[in-house]
Amino acid sequence: MPAHCFESLAAQAIVLAGPTASGKSALGIELARLVNGEILSLDSIAVYRGMDIGTAKPTAAEQSAVPHHLIDLVEPTEEFSVVRYLRAAHAAVADVRSRGRTPIFVGGTPMFLKGVLRGFDPGPPADWEFREAVEADLQAHGVDALRDRLQQVDPLAAHRIGKNDARRMIRALEVARSTGQPISHRQIQFDRPIAASKCRVVALGWPRKMLHERIAARVEAMFCGGLVAEVQGLLDRHDELSRTAAQAVGYREVIDHLKRGTRIEETITYVATHTRQLAKRQESWYRSFSEIRRIEVDESFDVVGVANRIVDQFAEQSDQANRRKSS
């Protein structure tokens, strides 16, 4: 594997995923208590300092109870890529394991999760001038024309990438232009799944109606907890946020509210709608990972009980593996 690539961390850590508002954070803390663990955030927006309410970042009390890593890494004016995340994640896993403790990734960002589970080839750096030109073409001619363009350059990538996922299509075009090699060829080694029985990866699954109710409650709590004031403070301090930070669900709608004067009730509705859409995309991603075992929960969700179920499941998995080795 090339030196600049990142190997899978699946064998070195526990991974707890799930859609937004599914209860991952509380469950991760309880799991950490049971296995002498420390939490490694799997959230692409929690890396930003000052973006606390909209990310449901762990409180000071939660961080005091269990050590947390990979949060508050950079200012919200900075771009933060999968490469930067994985570099920090590999260092954090090595640090936690060196102290005899268990790294537990907790979060829902699919691209970060994929990099942790299967490794990652970062490819060339971003070419913002090229991206802006392609985005202008996208606005002028639509996503179907973008897909046709990618089909000519990298048919396999065009087939694999979702029909409306313009961001990934643009990246595929960018990689082919910069390297002369289709991105689908470069990523083959990172598309090989790991059997669920050979890693410790779970995701919480809720009935859709209940998850939507939890999302609605989460969004209401964010606004009651001062999300608008948080965003205003970020804009006052930094004037303008990075592309990644400014497009985060919850933040982009409030920025629009502050700049254009949209009604707050309308803004809250937009955030709830976009959060439900985000959760749906997350769950679609999780279904594509063979590594993930789904843990079904409902209104009787008990953090302590579910954490113990997960630990028991991992223990049984380990026993079965040992029996296979000795037979």
C-alpha atoms as a PDB file:
ATOM      1  CA  MET A   1       0.000   0.000   0.000  1.00  0.00           C
ATOM      2  CA  PRO A   2       1.407   3.451  -0.895  1.00  0.00           C
ATOM      3  CA  ALA A   3       2.856   5.351   2.050  1.00  0.00           C
ATOM      4  CA  HIS A   4       0.375   8.193   1.710  1.00  0.00           C
ATOM      5  CA  CYS A   5      -2.638   5.867   2.058  1.00  0.00           C
ATOM      6  CA  PHE A   6      -4.390   5.058   5.328  1.00  0.00           C
ATOM      7  CA  GLU A   7      -4.928   1.460   6.438  1.00  0.00           C
ATOM      8  CA  SER A   8      -8.158   0.218   8.018  1.00  0.00           C
ATOM      9  CA  LEU A   9      -8.598   0.743  11.764  1.00  0.00           C
ATOM     10  CA  ALA A  10     -11.430  -1.791  12.036  1.00  0.00           C
ATOM     11  CA  ALA A  11      -9.341  -4.375  13.883  1.00  0.00           C
ATOM     12  CA  GLN A  12      -8.061  -1.869  16.430  1.00  0.00           C
ATOM     13  CA  ALA A  13     -11.235  -0.222  17.697  1.00  0.00           C
ATOM     14  CA  ILE A  14     -14.939  -0.518  18.435  1.00  0.00           C
ATOM     15  CA  VAL A  15     -17.175   1.499  16.107  1.00  0.00           C
ATOM     16  CA  LEU A  16     -20.631   2.762  17.102  1.00  0.00           C
ATOM     17  CA  ALA A  17     -22.550   4.414  14.261  1.00  0.00           C
ATOM     18  CA  GLY A  18     -26.127   5.470  13.691  1.00  0.00           C
ATOM     19  CA  PRO A  19     -28.200   8.296  12.232  1.00  0.00           C
ATOM     20  CA  THR A  20     -28.325  11.710  13.841  1.00  0.00           C
ATOM     21  CA  ALA A  21     -30.373  11.852  17.070  1.00  0.00           C
ATOM     22  CA  SER A  22     -30.253   8.071  17.520  1.00  0.00           C
ATOM     23  CA  GLY A  23     -28.632   8.180  20.979  1.00  0.00           C
ATOM     24  CA  LYS A  24     -25.068   7.252  19.974  1.00  0.00           C
ATOM     25  CA  SER A  25     -23.326   9.688  22.299  1.00  0.00           C
ATOM     26  CA  ALA A  26     -24.910   8.468  25.545  1.00  0.00           C
ATOM     27  CA  LEU A  27     -24.518   4.855  24.467  1.00  0.00           C
ATOM     28  CA  GLY A  28     -20.859   5.426  23.568  1.00  0.00           C
ATOM     29  CA  ILE A  29     -20.132   6.813  27.018  1.00  0.00           C
ATOM     30  CA  GLU A  30     -21.754   3.830  28.715  1.00  0.00           C
ATOM     31  CA  LEU A  31     -19.899   1.446  26.401  1.00  0.00           C
ATOM     32  CA  ALA A  32     -16.623   3.187  27.257  1.00  0.00           C
ATOM     33  CA  ARG A  33     -17.261   2.623  30.945  1.00  0.00           C
ATOM     34  CA  LEU A  34     -17.818  -1.083  30.370  1.00  0.00           C
ATOM     35  CA  VAL A  35     -14.709  -1.730  28.250  1.00  0.00           C
ATOM     36  CA  ASN A  36     -12.220   0.774  29.706  1.00  0.00           C
ATOM     37  CA  GLY A  37     -12.595   2.876  26.590  1.00  0.00           C
ATOM     38  CA  GLU A  38     -12.167   6.387  25.274  1.00  0.00           C
ATOM     39  CA  ILE A  39     -14.377   8.089  22.685  1.00  0.00           C
ATOM     40  CA  LEU A  40     -13.131   9.111  19.236  1.00  0.00           C
ATOM     41  CA  SER A  41     -15.658  11.345  17.478  1.00  0.00           C
ATOM     42  CA  LEU A  42     -16.781  10.312  13.987  1.00  0.00           C
ATOM     43  CA  ASP A  43     -18.413  13.669  13.227  1.00  0.00           C
ATOM     44  CA  SER A  44     -17.168  15.933  10.434  1.00  0.00           C
ATOM     45  CA  ILE A  45     -18.542  19.114  12.059  1.00  0.00           C
ATOM     46  CA  ALA A  46     -17.645  18.448  15.704  1.00  0.00           C
ATOM     47  CA  VAL A  47     -14.007  19.007  14.672  1.00  0.00           C
ATOM     48  CA  TYR A  48     -14.790  22.760  14.607  1.00  0.00           C
ATOM     49  CA  ARG A  49     -14.297  24.878  17.704  1.00  0.00           C
ATOM     50  CA  GLY A  50     -17.355  26.849  18.711  1.00  0.00           C
ATOM     51  CA  MET A  51     -19.785  24.694  16.760  1.00  0.00           C
ATOM     52  CA  ASP A  52     -21.239  23.029  19.818  1.00  0.00           C
ATOM     53  CA  ILE A  53     -25.018  23.259  19.960  1.00  0.00           C
ATOM     54  CA  GLY A  54     -25.716  22.314  16.353  1.00  0.00           C
ATOM     55  CA  THR A  55     -23.434  19.267  16.603  1.00  0.00           C
ATOM     56  CA  ALA A  56     -24.739  18.130  20.008  1.00  0.00           C
ATOM     57  CA  LYS A  57     -21.107  18.081  21.063  1.00  0.00           C
ATOM     58  CA  PRO A  58     -20.436  16.246  24.346  1.00  0.00           C
ATOM     59  CA  THR A  59     -20.774  18.488  27.377  1.00  0.00           C
ATOM     60  CA  ALA A  60     -17.923  19.298  29.734  1.00  0.00           C
ATOM     61  CA  ALA A  61     -19.378  16.809  32.219  1.00  0.00           C
ATOM     62  CA  GLU A  62     -19.504  14.053  29.587  1.00  0.00           C
ATOM     63  CA  GLN A  63     -15.941  14.778  28.503  1.00  0.00           C
ATOM     64  CA  SER A  64     -14.867  14.686  32.131  1.00  0.00           C
ATOM     65  CA  ALA A  65     -16.558  11.320  32.691  1.00  0.00           C
ATOM     66  CA  VAL A  66     -14.943   9.703  29.624  1.00  0.00           C
ATOM     67  CA  PRO A  67     -12.019  11.124  27.586  1.00  0.00           C
ATOM     68  CA  HIS A  68     -13.091  12.341  24.123  1.00  0.00           C
ATOM     69  CA  HIS A  69     -10.853  12.840  21.096  1.00  0.00           C
ATOM     70  CA  LEU A  70     -11.165  14.335  17.585  1.00  0.00           C
ATOM     71  CA  ILE A  71     -13.370  17.261  18.591  1.00  0.00           C
ATOM     72  CA  ASP A  72     -12.458  20.976  18.602  1.00  0.00           C
ATOM     73  CA  LEU A  73      -9.483  20.386  16.330  1.00  0.00           C
ATOM     74  CA  VAL A  74      -9.676  23.462  14.079  1.00  0.00           C
ATOM     75  CA  GLU A  75     -11.307  26.866  13.673  1.00  0.00           C
ATOM     76  CA  PRO A  76     -14.533  26.947  11.610  1.00  0.00           C
ATOM     77  CA  THR A  77     -12.774  29.060   8.982  1.00  0.00           C
ATOM     78  CA  GLU A  78     -10.659  26.038   7.968  1.00  0.00           C
ATOM     79  CA  GLU A  79     -11.513  23.269   5.533  1.00  0.00           C
ATOM     80  CA  PHE A  80     -11.281  19.849   7.156  1.00  0.00           C
ATOM     81  CA  SER A  81     -10.900  16.844   4.887  1.00  0.00           C
ATOM     82  CA  VAL A  82     -11.139  13.084   5.287  1.00  0.00           C
ATOM     83  CA  VAL A  83      -7.338  13.030   5.027  1.00  0.00           C
ATOM     84  CA  ARG A  84      -6.902  15.364   7.993  1.00  0.00           C
ATOM     85  CA  TYR A  85      -9.432  13.371   9.962  1.00  0.00           C
ATOM     86  CA  LEU A  86      -7.777  10.019   9.306  1.00  0.00           C
ATOM     87  CA  ARG A  87      -4.349  11.385  10.125  1.00  0.00           C
ATOM     88  CA  ALA A  88      -5.687  12.534  13.506  1.00  0.00           C
ATOM     89  CA  ALA A  89      -7.691   9.313  13.986  1.00  0.00           C
ATOM     90  CA  HIS A  90      -4.669   7.046  13.457  1.00  0.00           C
ATOM     91  CA  ALA A  91      -2.681   9.082  15.980  1.00  0.00           C
ATOM     92  CA  ALA A  92      -5.549   8.984  18.495  1.00  0.00           C
ATOM     93  CA  VAL A  93      -6.011   5.215  18.172  1.00  0.00           C
ATOM     94  CA  ALA A  94      -2.283   4.653  18.728  1.00  0.00           C
ATOM     95  CA  ASP A  95      -2.352   6.931  21.784  1.00  0.00           C
ATOM     96  CA  VAL A  96      -5.399   5.290  23.371  1.00  0.00           C
ATOM     97  CA  ARG A  97      -4.123   1.760  22.762  1.00  0.00           C
ATOM     98  CA  SER A  98      -0.665   2.649  24.113  1.00  0.00           C
ATOM     99  CA  ARG A  99      -2.326   3.329  27.465  1.00  0.00           C
ATOM    100  CA  GLY A 100      -4.074  -0.046  27.494  1.00  0.00           C
ATOM    101  CA  ARG A 101      -7.498   1.419  26.761  1.00  0.00           C
ATOM    102  CA  THR A 102     -10.044   0.719  24.017  1.00  0.00           C
ATOM    103  CA  PRO A 103     -10.669   3.259  21.237  1.00  0.00           C
ATOM    104  CA  ILE A 104     -14.398   3.639  20.483  1.00  0.00           C
ATOM    105  CA  PHE A 105     -15.371   5.579  17.388  1.00  0.00           C
ATOM    106  CA  VAL A 106     -18.785   7.193  17.864  1.00  0.00           C
ATOM    107  CA  GLY A 107     -20.580   9.187  15.179  1.00  0.00           C
ATOM    108  CA  GLY A 108     -22.411   9.252  11.923  1.00  0.00           C
ATOM    109  CA  THR A 109     -20.339  10.839   9.131  1.00  0.00           C
ATOM    110  CA  PRO A 110     -20.319   8.162   6.381  1.00  0.00           C
ATOM    111  CA  MET A 111     -17.068   9.127   4.596  1.00  0.00           C
ATOM    112  CA  PHE A 112     -15.156   9.247   7.887  1.00  0.00           C
ATOM    113  CA  LEU A 113     -16.679   5.876   8.807  1.00  0.00           C
ATOM    114  CA  LYS A 114     -15.656   4.349   5.489  1.00  0.00           C
ATOM    115  CA  GLY A 115     -12.083   5.582   5.923  1.00  0.00           C
ATOM    116  CA  VAL A 116     -11.921   4.079   9.412  1.00  0.00           C
ATOM    117  CA  LEU A 117     -13.348   0.723   8.316  1.00  0.00           C
ATOM    118  CA  ARG A 118     -11.666   0.205   4.944  1.00  0.00           C
ATOM    119  CA  GLY A 119      -8.775   2.615   4.744  1.00  0.00           C
ATOM    120  CA  PHE A 120      -8.476   5.465   2.291  1.00  0.00           C
ATOM    121  CA  ASP A 121      -6.531   6.699  -0.704  1.00  0.00           C
ATOM    122  CA  PRO A 122      -6.571  10.516  -0.406  1.00  0.00           C
ATOM    123  CA  GLY A 123      -5.770  11.146  -4.038  1.00  0.00           C
ATOM    124  CA  PRO A 124      -4.591  14.578  -5.212  1.00  0.00           C
ATOM    125  CA  PRO A 125      -5.333  17.815  -3.314  1.00  0.00           C
ATOM    126  CA  ALA A 126      -8.449  19.805  -4.158  1.00  0.00           C
ATOM    127  CA  ASP A 127      -8.338  21.963  -7.280  1.00  0.00           C
ATOM    128  CA  TRP A 128     -10.789  24.708  -6.298  1.00  0.00           C
ATOM    129  CA  GLU A 129     -10.585  26.502  -9.637  1.00  0.00           C
ATOM    130  CA  PHE A 130     -11.559  23.311 -11.470  1.00  0.00           C
ATOM    131  CA  ARG A 131     -14.323  22.552  -8.971  1.00  0.00           C
ATOM    132  CA  GLU A 132     -15.820  26.016  -9.333  1.00  0.00           C
ATOM    133  CA  ALA A 133     -15.810  25.679 -13.120  1.00  0.00           C
ATOM    134  CA  VAL A 134     -17.561  22.298 -12.951  1.00  0.00           C
ATOM    135  CA  GLU A 135     -20.058  23.624 -10.392  1.00  0.00           C
ATOM    136  CA  ALA A 136     -20.868  26.492 -12.774  1.00  0.00           C
ATOM    137  CA  ASP A 137     -21.520  23.927 -15.531  1.00  0.00           C
ATOM    138  CA  LEU A 138     -23.678  21.977 -13.077  1.00  0.00           C
ATOM    139  CA  GLN A 139     -25.807  25.039 -12.380  1.00  0.00           C
ATOM    140  CA  ALA A 140     -26.124  25.761 -16.085  1.00  0.00           C
ATOM    141  CA  HIS A 141     -26.765  22.244 -17.427  1.00  0.00           C
ATOM    142  CA  GLY A 142     -27.911  20.090 -14.503  1.00  0.00           C
ATOM    143  CA  VAL A 143     -26.754  16.918 -12.786  1.00  0.00           C
ATOM    144  CA  ASP A 144     -27.575  14.633 -15.754  1.00  0.00           C
ATOM    145  CA  ALA A 145     -25.036  16.477 -17.913  1.00  0.00           C
ATOM    146  CA  LEU A 146     -22.490  16.123 -15.101  1.00  0.00           C
ATOM    147  CA  ARG A 147     -23.119  12.383 -14.973  1.00  0.00           C
ATOM    148  CA  ASP A 148     -22.727  12.106 -18.771  1.00  0.00           C
ATOM    149  CA  ARG A 149     -19.375  13.876 -18.487  1.00  0.00           C
ATOM    150  CA  LEU A 150     -18.214  11.467 -15.782  1.00  0.00           C
ATOM    151  CA  GLN A 151     -19.485   8.501 -17.813  1.00  0.00           C
ATOM    152  CA  GLN A 152     -17.004   9.397 -20.546  1.00  0.00           C
ATOM    153  CA  VAL A 153     -14.101   9.683 -18.094  1.00  0.00           C
ATOM    154  CA  ASP A 154     -14.831   6.963 -15.533  1.00  0.00           C
ATOM    155  CA  PRO A 155     -17.842   4.722 -16.341  1.00  0.00           C
ATOM    156  CA  LEU A 156     -17.404   2.624 -13.192  1.00  0.00           C
ATOM    157  CA  ALA A 157     -17.474   5.675 -10.927  1.00  0.00           C
ATOM    158  CA  ALA A 158     -20.499   7.013 -12.809  1.00  0.00           C
ATOM    159  CA  HIS A 159     -22.273   3.724 -12.103  1.00  0.00           C
ATOM    160  CA  ARG A 160     -21.332   3.612  -8.411  1.00  0.00           C
ATOM    161  CA  ILE A 161     -21.993   7.215  -7.416  1.00  0.00           C
ATOM    162  CA  GLY A 162     -25.565   8.146  -6.501  1.00  0.00           C
ATOM    163  CA  LYS A 163     -27.507   9.817  -9.299  1.00  0.00           C
ATOM    164  CA  ASN A 164     -27.748  13.129  -7.428  1.00  0.00           C
ATOM    165  CA  ASP A 165     -24.414  13.059  -5.612  1.00  0.00           C
ATOM    166  CA  ALA A 166     -22.834  15.964  -7.510  1.00  0.00           C
ATOM    167  CA  ARG A 167     -20.058  16.462  -4.946  1.00  0.00           C
ATOM    168  CA  ARG A 168     -18.623  12.969  -5.464  1.00  0.00           C
ATOM    169  CA  MET A 169     -19.016  13.195  -9.237  1.00  0.00           C
ATOM    170  CA  ILE A 170     -17.033  16.434  -9.271  1.00  0.00           C
ATOM    171  CA  ARG A 171     -14.311  14.837  -7.137  1.00  0.00           C
ATOM    172  CA  ALA A 172     -14.115  11.874  -9.527  1.00  0.00           C
ATOM    173  CA  LEU A 173     -13.656  14.240 -12.464  1.00  0.00           C
ATOM    174  CA  GLU A 174     -11.045  16.178 -10.502  1.00  0.00           C
ATOM    175  CA  VAL A 175      -9.014  13.050  -9.654  1.00  0.00           C
ATOM    176  CA  ALA A 176      -9.066  11.823 -13.257  1.00  0.00           C
ATOM    177  CA  ARG A 177      -7.945  15.231 -14.494  1.00  0.00           C
ATOM    178  CA  SER A 178      -5.147  15.569 -11.927  1.00  0.00           C
ATOM    179  CA  THR A 179      -3.748  12.026 -12.065  1.00  0.00           C
ATOM    180  CA  GLY A 180      -4.769  10.700 -15.467  1.00  0.00           C
ATOM    181  CA  GLN A 181      -6.190   7.677 -13.661  1.00  0.00           C
ATOM    182  CA  PRO A 182      -9.903   7.022 -12.919  1.00  0.00           C
ATOM    183  CA  ILE A 183     -10.753   7.289  -9.241  1.00  0.00           C
ATOM    184  CA  SER A 184     -12.522   3.920  -9.419  1.00  0.00           C
ATOM    185  CA  HIS A 185      -9.186   2.231 -10.265  1.00  0.00           C
ATOM    186  CA  ARG A 186      -7.399   3.938  -7.378  1.00  0.00           C
ATOM    187  CA  GLN A 187     -10.051   2.966  -4.815  1.00  0.00           C
ATOM    188  CA  ILE A 188     -10.422  -0.733  -5.597  1.00  0.00           C
ATOM    189  CA  GLN A 189      -8.248  -1.807  -2.650  1.00  0.00           C
ATOM    190  CA  PHE A 190     -10.416   0.273  -0.306  1.00  0.00           C
ATOM    191  CA  ASP A 191     -13.726  -1.227  -1.431  1.00  0.00           C
ATOM    192  CA  ARG A 192     -13.030  -4.655   0.012  1.00  0.00           C
ATOM    193  CA  PRO A 193     -15.392  -5.267   2.920  1.00  0.00           C
ATOM    194  CA  ILE A 194     -14.439  -6.916   6.184  1.00  0.00           C
ATOM    195  CA  ALA A 195     -16.705  -9.626   7.564  1.00  0.00           C
ATOM    196  CA  ALA A 196     -18.839  -8.418  10.467  1.00  0.00           C
ATOM    197  CA  SER A 197     -17.521 -11.381  12.485  1.00  0.00           C
ATOM    198  CA  LYS A 198     -13.968 -10.016  12.205  1.00  0.00           C
ATOM    199  CA  CYS A 199     -14.591  -6.524  13.562  1.00  0.00           C
ATOM    200  CA  ARG A 200     -16.640  -4.798  16.257  1.00  0.00           C
ATOM    201  CA  VAL A 201     -18.948  -2.436  14.406  1.00  0.00           C
ATOM    202  CA  VAL A 202     -22.578  -1.708  15.299  1.00  0.00           C
ATOM    203  CA  ALA A 203     -25.167   0.860  14.286  1.00  0.00           C
ATOM    204  CA  LEU A 204     -28.343   1.854  16.086  1.00  0.00           C
ATOM    205  CA  GLY A 205     -31.550   1.403  14.115  1.00  0.00           C
ATOM    206  CA  TRP A 206     -34.833   3.112  14.998  1.00  0.00           C
ATOM    207  CA  PRO A 207     -38.307   2.798  13.487  1.00  0.00           C
ATOM    208  CA  ARG A 208     -38.549   5.778  11.123  1.00  0.00           C
ATOM    209  CA  LYS A 209     -41.450   7.493  12.897  1.00  0.00           C
ATOM    210  CA  MET A 210     -39.667   7.346  16.245  1.00  0.00           C
ATOM    211  CA  LEU A 211     -36.422   8.614  14.759  1.00  0.00           C
ATOM    212  CA  HIS A 212     -38.272  11.553  13.195  1.00  0.00           C
ATOM    213  CA  GLU A 213     -39.784  12.352  16.591  1.00  0.00           C
ATOM    214  CA  ARG A 214     -36.331  12.287  18.175  1.00  0.00           C
ATOM    215  CA  ILE A 215     -34.997  14.558  15.416  1.00  0.00           C
ATOM    216  CA  ALA A 216     -37.832  17.031  15.988  1.00  0.00           C
ATOM    217  CA  ALA A 217     -37.074  17.070  19.717  1.00  0.00           C
ATOM    218  CA  ARG A 218     -33.327  17.479  19.040  1.00  0.00           C
ATOM    219  CA  VAL A 219     -33.908  20.429  16.683  1.00  0.00           C
ATOM    220  CA  GLU A 220     -36.262  22.139  19.134  1.00  0.00           C
ATOM    221  CA  ALA A 221     -33.723  21.690  21.923  1.00  0.00           C
ATOM    222  CA  MET A 222     -30.964  23.167  19.735  1.00  0.00           C
ATOM    223  CA  PHE A 223     -32.927  26.350  19.096  1.00  0.00           C
ATOM    224  CA  CYS A 224     -34.052  26.621  22.722  1.00  0.00           C
ATOM    225  CA  GLY A 225     -30.437  26.060  23.747  1.00  0.00           C
ATOM    226  CA  GLY A 226     -29.143  29.046  21.786  1.00  0.00           C
ATOM    227  CA  LEU A 227     -28.239  27.835  18.289  1.00  0.00           C
ATOM    228  CA  VAL A 228     -29.037  31.191  16.672  1.00  0.00           C
ATOM    229  CA  ALA A 229     -26.844  33.046  19.163  1.00  0.00           C
ATOM    230  CA  GLU A 230     -24.056  30.503  18.629  1.00  0.00           C
ATOM    231  CA  VAL A 231     -24.117  31.024  14.859  1.00  0.00           C
ATOM    232  CA  GLN A 232     -24.274  34.807  15.238  1.00  0.00           C
ATOM    233  CA  GLY A 233     -21.240  34.635  17.508  1.00  0.00           C
ATOM    234  CA  LEU A 234     -19.348  32.550  14.968  1.00  0.00           C
ATOM    235  CA  LEU A 235     -20.101  35.064  12.219  1.00  0.00           C
ATOM    236  CA  ASP A 236     -19.143  37.993  14.471  1.00  0.00           C
ATOM    237  CA  ARG A 237     -15.795  36.401  15.275  1.00  0.00           C
ATOM    238  CA  HIS A 238     -14.932  34.966  11.889  1.00  0.00           C
ATOM    239  CA  ASP A 239     -17.016  36.949   9.373  1.00  0.00           C
ATOM    240  CA  GLU A 240     -17.158  33.921   7.083  1.00  0.00           C
ATOM    241  CA  LEU A 241     -16.996  30.190   7.783  1.00  0.00           C
ATOM    242  CA  SER A 242     -15.328  27.540   5.643  1.00  0.00           C
ATOM    243  CA  ARG A 243     -17.353  25.796   2.962  1.00  0.00           C
ATOM    244  CA  THR A 244     -17.651  22.649   5.054  1.00  0.00           C
ATOM    245  CA  ALA A 245     -18.659  24.432   8.255  1.00  0.00           C
ATOM    246  CA  ALA A 246     -21.112  26.807   6.555  1.00  0.00           C
ATOM    247  CA  GLN A 247     -22.912  23.946   4.783  1.00  0.00           C
ATOM    248  CA  ALA A 248     -23.481  21.835   7.909  1.00  0.00           C
ATOM    249  CA  VAL A 249     -27.135  21.072   8.564  1.00  0.00           C
ATOM    250  CA  GLY A 250     -28.421  23.427  11.231  1.00  0.00           C
ATOM    251  CA  TYR A 251     -25.760  26.029  10.548  1.00  0.00           C
ATOM    252  CA  ARG A 252     -26.484  26.786   6.894  1.00  0.00           C
ATOM    253  CA  GLU A 253     -30.179  27.375   7.631  1.00  0.00           C
ATOM    254  CA  VAL A 254     -29.436  29.692  10.547  1.00  0.00           C
ATOM    255  CA  ILE A 255     -26.829  31.591   8.505  1.00  0.00           C
ATOM    256  CA  ASP A 256     -29.504  32.077   5.855  1.00  0.00           C
ATOM    257  CA  HIS A 257     -31.952  33.230   8.551  1.00  0.00           C
ATOM    258  CA  LEU A 258     -29.491  35.809   9.863  1.00  0.00           C
ATOM    259  CA  LYS A 259     -28.442  37.097   6.453  1.00  0.00           C
ATOM    260  CA  ARG A 260     -31.802  37.124   4.696  1.00  0.00           C
ATOM    261  CA  GLY A 261     -34.180  37.604   7.581  1.00  0.00           C
ATOM    262  CA  THR A 262     -36.228  34.439   7.025  1.00  0.00           C
ATOM    263  CA  ARG A 263     -38.777  33.718   9.750  1.00  0.00           C
ATOM    264  CA  ILE A 264     -37.428  31.672  12.653  1.00  0.00           C
ATOM    265  CA  GLU A 265     -40.362  29.231  12.436  1.00  0.00           C
ATOM    266  CA  GLU A 266     -39.498  28.620   8.802  1.00  0.00           C
ATOM    267  CA  THR A 267     -35.846  28.116   9.703  1.00  0.00           C
ATOM    268  CA  ILE A 268     -36.688  25.540  12.363  1.00  0.00           C
ATOM    269  CA  THR A 269     -38.824  23.643   9.851  1.00  0.00           C
ATOM    270  CA  TYR A 270     -35.988  23.674   7.308  1.00  0.00           C
ATOM    271  CA  VAL A 271     -33.506  22.341   9.860  1.00  0.00           C
ATOM    272  CA  ALA A 272     -35.846  19.518  10.899  1.00  0.00           C
ATOM    273  CA  THR A 273     -36.533  18.586   7.271  1.00  0.00           C
ATOM    274  CA  HIS A 274     -32.874  18.641   6.278  1.00  0.00           C
ATOM    275  CA  THR A 275     -31.920  16.653   9.381  1.00  0.00           C
ATOM    276  CA  ARG A 276     -34.433  13.932   8.460  1.00  0.00           C
ATOM    277  CA  GLN A 277     -32.949  13.860   4.962  1.00  0.00           C
ATOM    278  CA  LEU A 278     -29.453  13.584   6.446  1.00  0.00           C
ATOM    279  CA  ALA A 279     -30.541  10.669   8.644  1.00  0.00           C
ATOM    280  CA  LYS A 280     -31.991   8.892   5.607  1.00  0.00           C
ATOM    281  CA  ARG A 281     -28.716   9.308   3.689  1.00  0.00           C
ATOM    282  CA  GLN A 282     -26.737   8.053   6.673  1.00  0.00           C
ATOM    283  CA  GLU A 283     -28.856   4.929   6.989  1.00  0.00           C
ATOM    284  CA  SER A 284     -28.496   4.226   3.249  1.00  0.00           C
ATOM    285  CA  TRP A 285     -24.715   4.368   3.667  1.00  0.00           C
ATOM    286  CA  TYR A 286     -24.787   2.081   6.694  1.00  0.00           C
ATOM    287  CA  ARG A 287     -26.746  -0.562   4.780  1.00  0.00           C
ATOM    288  CA  SER A 288     -23.904  -0.674   2.246  1.00  0.00           C
ATOM    289  CA  PHE A 289     -21.334  -1.658   4.904  1.00  0.00           C
ATOM    290  CA  SER A 290     -21.167  -5.415   5.491  1.00  0.00           C
ATOM    291  CA  GLU A 291     -19.061  -4.701   8.583  1.00  0.00           C
ATOM    292  CA  ILE A 292     -22.021  -3.222  10.454  1.00  0.00           C
ATOM    293  CA  ARG A 293     -24.311  -5.200  12.726  1.00  0.00           C
ATOM    294  CA  ARG A 294     -27.562  -3.312  13.249  1.00  0.00           C
ATOM    295  CA  ILE A 295     -28.885  -2.982  16.796  1.00  0.00           C
ATOM    296  CA  GLU A 296     -32.637  -2.394  16.718  1.00  0.00           C
ATOM    297  CA  VAL A 297     -34.047  -0.139  19.436  1.00  0.00           C
ATOM    298  CA  ASP A 298     -37.418   1.461  20.160  1.00  0.00           C
ATOM    299  CA  GLU A 299     -39.170   3.638  22.741  1.00  0.00           C
ATOM    300  CA  SER A 300     -37.945   1.303  25.497  1.00  0.00           C
ATOM    301  CA  PHE A 301     -34.326   2.206  24.587  1.00  0.00           C
ATOM    302  CA  ASP A 302     -32.206   1.673  27.696  1.00  0.00           C
ATOM    303  CA  VAL A 303     -28.619   2.873  27.350  1.00  0.00           C
ATOM    304  CA  VAL A 304     -27.200   0.572  30.019  1.00  0.00           C
ATOM    305  CA  GLY A 305     -29.079  -2.460  28.715  1.00  0.00           C
ATOM    306  CA  VAL A 306     -28.080  -1.884  25.089  1.00  0.00           C
ATOM    307  CA  ALA A 307     -24.436  -1.268  26.042  1.00  0.00           C
ATOM    308  CA  ASN A 308     -24.360  -4.582  27.890  1.00  0.00           C
ATOM    309  CA  ARG A 309     -25.983  -6.338  24.918  1.00  0.00           C
ATOM    310  CA  ILE A 310     -23.244  -4.999  22.661  1.00  0.00           C
ATOM    311  CA  VAL A 311     -20.454  -6.069  25.019  1.00  0.00           C
ATOM    312  CA  ASP A 312     -21.986  -9.551  25.328  1.00  0.00           C
ATOM    313  CA  GLN A 313     -22.266  -9.771  21.540  1.00  0.00           C
ATOM    314  CA  PHE A 314     -18.608  -8.871  21.094  1.00  0.00           C
ATOM    315  CA  ALA A 315     -17.571 -11.380  23.758  1.00  0.00           C
ATOM    316  CA  GLU A 316     -19.524 -14.163  22.025  1.00  0.00           C
ATOM    317  CA  GLN A 317     -17.991 -13.134  18.693  1.00  0.00           C
ATOM    318  CA  SER A 318     -14.496 -13.357  20.216  1.00  0.00           C
ATOM    319  CA  ASP A 319     -15.236 -16.796  21.719  1.00  0.00           C
ATOM    320  CA  GLN A 320     -16.428 -18.106  18.367  1.00  0.00           C
ATOM    321  CA  ALA A 321     -13.294 -16.806  16.670  1.00  0.00           C
ATOM    322  CA  ASN A 322     -11.086 -18.487  19.279  1.00  0.00           C
ATOM    323  CA  ARG A 323     -12.941 -21.794  18.854  1.00  0.00           C
ATOM    324  CA  ARG A 324     -12.440 -21.629  15.097  1.00  0.00           C
ATOM    325  CA  LYS A 325      -8.712 -21.046  15.571  1.00  0.00           C
ATOM    326  CA  SER A 326      -8.314 -23.973  17.973  1.00  0.00           C
ATOM    327  CA  SER A 327     -10.369 -26.443  15.910  1.00  0.00           C
END
